[in-house]
Amino acid sequence: MSDDRLIVALDVPNALEGLQLAERLGDSVGFYKIGLGMLTGGGLALANELMQEHGKRIFLDMKLFDIGATIEAAVRGLAQFDLDFLTVHGDPHVVRAAREGASGRQTKILAVTILTSLDRADLDAGLIKTGDIPDLVAERAGRAFEAGADGVIASPQEAAMIRALPEAKGRLIVTPGVRPAGAALGDQKRVATPAQALNDGADHIVVGRPIWAAKDPAQAARDILSEINE
C-alpha cells in the first residue's frame, strides 16, 4: 500500500509517459507531483485523469509568480480541479493573492522559499540579499506563513529550522531535494535522505529521478517507503 508522505515527481516529457509510469508504480504510490515541464505535454489532463480515474492525489508544481490580480485569477482557475497542493513563489503579495484565488476550494497553497537547486553563489548572481541560505529560507517561510500559506517548499536541510518557527504550527513542510543513500544528486545541491527529511520535520518528501530513472521504478518506490517506515 502507498504512504502519502512520499510524493513521486512525474518529471517525464508528456502525459502519456506520465500515465505509463503511474501504471508501473501501481498501488505503491498514491501521490504525484506534476511540474511546469509537463504543462504543454498534457500535464493538467494527466492530473485530472490520475485523480478521477485512479484515485491519486496531485501536487501541481507551477511556482507561480506575477502581480496579485494575475496570481488570483490563475489560482482560481487551477483550484477548480480540486488539486491537493499548488505552488507559488513565497513573496507575501503572491501568497495573499493565491489564498484569495483558492478560497472555498480544497487546494492548499505551498510557498517556495529558495529553490533547492540554488546555492549562495546562485543567489549572489541573482542579486539576492546577503545572508546564509538557511536563515533566508526561515525568514521567507515565516513571511509566507504570515501571508496565509498552508505550507512551504524547502530543502530538507532547512526543515528542522522551519518546523521550529512559531508560525509553522499546523502548516505543511514539503521537501524536494530528497535522495536515497547512494543516489546521484543530479541538479540538487541541498539534499538529505528520505528518513532524515521526515525526522527533521517534513510532512512530505518529493522524489523524482531515483524512482523514474530506476530499472524497476515500483521497487525503487517500495525501497524508499521501507526506509521511511523504518
Protein backbone atom coordinates (compact mmCIF):
# COMPACT_ATOMS: atom_id res chain seq x y z
CA MET A 1 0.00 0.00 0.00
CA SER A 2 1.06 3.60 -0.55
CA ASP A 3 2.21 6.13 2.03
CA ASP A 4 1.26 9.68 1.05
CA ARG A 5 4.31 11.09 2.78
CA LEU A 6 6.07 10.06 -0.45
CA ILE A 7 5.23 12.21 -3.47
CA VAL A 8 6.66 10.98 -6.76
CA ALA A 9 7.64 13.66 -9.27
CA LEU A 10 6.47 12.75 -12.76
CA ASP A 11 9.39 14.53 -14.42
CA VAL A 12 8.76 12.98 -17.82
CA PRO A 13 8.08 14.78 -21.12
CA ASN A 14 4.36 14.22 -21.57
CA ALA A 15 1.13 12.89 -20.12
CA LEU A 16 1.37 9.54 -21.90
CA GLU A 17 4.73 8.73 -20.34
CA GLY A 18 3.48 10.04 -17.01
CA LEU A 19 0.47 7.74 -17.11
CA GLN A 20 2.63 4.78 -18.10
CA LEU A 21 4.93 5.45 -15.16
CA ALA A 22 2.00 5.78 -12.76
CA GLU A 23 0.62 2.46 -14.02
CA ARG A 24 4.00 0.80 -13.44
CA LEU A 25 4.08 2.16 -9.90
CA GLY A 26 0.53 0.98 -9.25
CA ASP A 27 -0.67 0.87 -5.65
CA SER A 28 2.78 1.58 -4.24
CA VAL A 29 2.36 5.32 -4.87
CA GLY A 30 -0.72 7.43 -4.16
CA PHE A 31 0.59 10.99 -4.53
CA TYR A 32 2.16 12.56 -7.63
CA LYS A 33 3.81 15.85 -8.49
CA ILE A 34 3.26 17.33 -11.94
CA GLY A 35 5.54 20.23 -12.78
CA LEU A 36 5.88 23.07 -15.21
CA GLY A 37 7.91 20.97 -17.62
CA MET A 38 4.88 18.83 -18.43
CA LEU A 39 2.38 21.67 -18.71
CA THR A 40 2.50 21.77 -22.51
CA GLY A 41 2.66 17.97 -22.65
CA GLY A 42 -0.81 17.44 -21.20
CA GLY A 43 0.02 17.87 -17.54
CA LEU A 44 -3.40 19.19 -16.49
CA ALA A 45 -5.18 16.40 -18.36
CA LEU A 46 -2.92 13.86 -16.67
CA ALA A 47 -3.62 15.39 -13.26
CA ASN A 48 -7.35 15.08 -13.84
CA GLU A 49 -7.09 11.51 -15.09
CA LEU A 50 -4.94 10.39 -12.17
CA MET A 51 -7.40 11.94 -9.72
CA GLN A 52 -10.66 10.91 -11.36
CA GLU A 53 -9.76 7.52 -12.82
CA HIS A 54 -7.07 6.27 -10.45
CA GLY A 55 -7.87 7.95 -7.14
CA LYS A 56 -4.46 9.59 -6.82
CA ARG A 57 -3.58 12.82 -5.03
CA ILE A 58 -1.95 15.59 -7.07
CA PHE A 59 0.62 18.24 -6.32
CA LEU A 60 0.73 20.77 -9.18
CA ASP A 61 4.13 22.43 -9.03
CA MET A 62 3.77 25.63 -11.07
CA LYS A 63 5.78 28.04 -8.85
CA LEU A 64 3.55 30.91 -9.96
CA PHE A 65 4.85 34.46 -9.77
CA ASP A 66 3.16 37.61 -11.09
CA ILE A 67 1.16 40.61 -9.97
CA GLY A 68 -1.56 39.88 -7.44
CA ALA A 69 -4.55 40.05 -9.80
CA THR A 70 -2.96 37.62 -12.23
CA ILE A 71 -2.00 35.19 -9.48
CA GLU A 72 -5.51 35.28 -8.05
CA ALA A 73 -7.06 34.57 -11.45
CA ALA A 74 -4.60 31.78 -12.26
CA VAL A 75 -5.06 30.07 -8.91
CA ARG A 76 -8.84 30.35 -9.12
CA GLY A 77 -8.74 28.57 -12.48
CA LEU A 78 -6.44 25.81 -11.26
CA ALA A 79 -8.16 25.32 -7.90
CA GLN A 80 -11.40 24.37 -9.62
CA PHE A 81 -9.80 20.99 -10.33
CA ASP A 82 -9.53 20.40 -6.54
CA LEU A 83 -5.84 19.64 -6.66
CA ASP A 84 -4.23 18.83 -3.32
CA PHE A 85 -1.24 21.18 -3.50
CA LEU A 86 -0.31 24.12 -5.72
CA THR A 87 2.96 26.05 -5.51
CA VAL A 88 3.56 29.77 -5.81
CA HIS A 89 6.64 31.81 -5.01
CA GLY A 90 6.82 32.78 -1.36
CA ASP A 91 6.65 36.56 -1.77
CA PRO A 92 3.87 37.77 0.55
CA HIS A 93 1.87 39.56 -2.15
CA VAL A 94 1.87 36.39 -4.25
CA VAL A 95 0.80 34.18 -1.34
CA ARG A 96 -2.03 36.52 -0.34
CA ALA A 97 -3.37 36.60 -3.90
CA ALA A 98 -3.11 32.82 -4.21
CA ARG A 99 -5.03 32.31 -0.97
CA GLU A 100 -7.79 34.53 -2.33
CA GLY A 101 -7.88 32.58 -5.57
CA ALA A 102 -8.11 29.25 -3.73
CA SER A 103 -10.86 30.45 -1.38
CA GLY A 104 -13.60 27.87 -0.99
CA ARG A 105 -11.54 25.08 -2.57
CA GLN A 106 -9.56 22.23 -1.03
CA THR A 107 -6.32 23.16 -2.81
CA LYS A 108 -3.55 24.03 -0.37
CA ILE A 109 -1.14 26.81 -1.30
CA LEU A 110 2.53 25.97 -0.80
CA ALA A 111 5.08 28.77 -0.93
CA VAL A 112 8.52 28.27 -2.45
CA THR A 113 11.26 29.62 -0.19
CA ILE A 114 14.55 29.19 -2.09
CA LEU A 115 14.87 26.57 -4.81
CA THR A 116 16.80 23.50 -3.70
CA SER A 117 18.99 23.70 -6.81
CA LEU A 118 20.44 27.06 -5.70
CA ASP A 119 23.41 27.87 -3.51
CA ARG A 120 24.83 31.14 -2.22
CA ALA A 121 26.71 31.80 -5.47
CA ASP A 122 23.46 31.50 -7.40
CA LEU A 123 21.76 33.96 -5.04
CA ASP A 124 24.64 36.41 -5.44
CA ALA A 125 24.28 36.21 -9.22
CA GLY A 126 20.58 36.95 -8.85
CA LEU A 127 21.24 39.98 -6.60
CA ILE A 128 19.51 38.33 -3.62
CA LYS A 129 20.43 39.92 -0.30
CA THR A 130 23.36 38.61 1.65
CA GLY A 131 22.99 36.01 4.36
CA ASP A 132 23.23 32.28 4.90
CA ILE A 133 20.67 30.29 2.92
CA PRO A 134 19.09 28.60 5.98
CA ASP A 135 18.46 31.99 7.58
CA LEU A 136 16.96 33.40 4.38
CA VAL A 137 14.77 30.31 3.95
CA ALA A 138 13.46 30.60 7.50
CA GLU A 139 12.73 34.29 7.03
CA ARG A 140 10.88 33.71 3.76
CA ALA A 141 8.96 30.80 5.29
CA GLY A 142 7.85 32.91 8.24
CA ARG A 143 6.65 35.70 5.97
CA ALA A 144 4.82 33.23 3.73
CA PHE A 145 3.02 31.71 6.72
CA GLU A 146 2.03 35.17 7.91
CA ALA A 147 0.63 35.86 4.42
CA GLY A 148 -1.57 32.76 4.65
CA ALA A 149 0.42 29.93 3.05
CA ASP A 150 -0.78 26.45 4.00
CA GLY A 151 2.79 25.25 3.82
CA VAL A 152 6.19 25.79 2.28
CA ILE A 153 8.59 24.10 -0.07
CA ALA A 154 12.09 23.94 1.38
CA SER A 155 15.14 21.76 1.20
CA PRO A 156 15.38 19.01 3.81
CA GLN A 157 18.37 20.80 5.26
CA GLU A 158 16.10 23.64 6.40
CA ALA A 159 13.12 21.54 7.51
CA ALA A 160 14.02 21.46 11.21
CA MET A 161 14.62 25.21 11.34
CA ILE A 162 11.26 25.92 9.70
CA ARG A 163 9.41 23.43 11.89
CA ALA A 164 10.72 25.29 14.94
CA LEU A 165 9.13 28.58 13.83
CA PRO A 166 6.04 29.56 15.87
CA GLU A 167 4.29 30.41 12.60
CA ALA A 168 4.83 26.85 11.34
CA LYS A 169 2.40 25.27 13.80
CA GLY A 170 -0.21 23.34 11.83
CA ARG A 171 1.45 24.15 8.49
CA LEU A 172 2.97 21.79 5.95
CA ILE A 173 6.61 21.37 5.00
CA VAL A 174 7.23 19.64 1.68
CA THR A 175 10.81 18.82 0.77
CA PRO A 176 12.23 18.18 -2.69
CA GLY A 177 15.95 17.50 -2.95
CA VAL A 178 15.49 14.10 -1.33
CA ARG A 179 17.85 11.34 -2.41
CA PRO A 180 18.09 7.78 -1.06
CA ALA A 181 21.51 6.87 0.30
CA GLY A 182 23.95 6.37 -2.58
CA ALA A 183 21.79 8.06 -5.23
CA ALA A 184 23.23 10.66 -7.60
CA LEU A 185 22.49 14.27 -6.66
CA GLY A 186 21.50 15.35 -10.19
CA ASP A 187 20.72 19.08 -10.24
CA GLN A 188 20.06 19.29 -6.50
CA LYS A 189 22.54 20.95 -4.15
CA ARG A 190 20.84 20.89 -0.72
CA VAL A 191 19.79 17.30 -0.14
CA ALA A 192 19.06 14.67 2.52
CA THR A 193 17.84 11.10 2.71
CA PRO A 194 14.08 10.41 2.95
CA ALA A 195 14.23 9.34 6.59
CA GLN A 196 16.36 12.33 7.59
CA ALA A 197 13.97 14.79 5.90
CA LEU A 198 10.95 13.36 7.71
CA ASN A 199 12.76 13.17 11.03
CA ASP A 200 13.68 16.84 10.66
CA GLY A 201 10.05 17.91 10.36
CA ALA A 202 8.96 17.44 6.76
CA ASP A 203 5.40 16.23 6.19
CA HIS A 204 6.02 15.07 2.63
CA ILE A 205 9.12 14.27 0.59
CA VAL A 206 9.31 14.62 -3.18
CA VAL A 207 11.39 12.06 -5.09
CA GLY A 208 11.76 12.04 -8.85
CA ARG A 209 14.81 10.75 -10.69
CA PRO A 210 15.77 7.97 -8.22
CA ILE A 211 12.35 6.42 -8.95
CA TRP A 212 11.51 7.18 -12.58
CA ALA A 213 15.08 6.54 -13.79
CA ALA A 214 15.34 3.21 -11.95
CA LYS A 215 15.25 -0.08 -13.84
CA ASP A 216 12.31 -1.08 -11.65
CA PRO A 217 10.51 2.13 -10.54
CA ALA A 218 7.99 0.26 -8.40
CA GLN A 219 10.75 -1.48 -6.45
CA ALA A 220 12.61 1.81 -6.06
CA ALA A 221 9.47 3.37 -4.59
CA ARG A 222 8.96 0.41 -2.25
CA ASP A 223 12.56 0.68 -1.07
CA ILE A 224 12.03 4.35 -0.17
CA LEU A 225 8.79 3.51 1.60
CA SER A 226 10.60 0.83 3.60
CA GLU A 227 13.27 3.33 4.57
CA ILE A 228 10.84 5.97 5.81
CA ASN A 229 8.77 3.41 7.70
CA GLU A 230 11.82 2.02 9.49
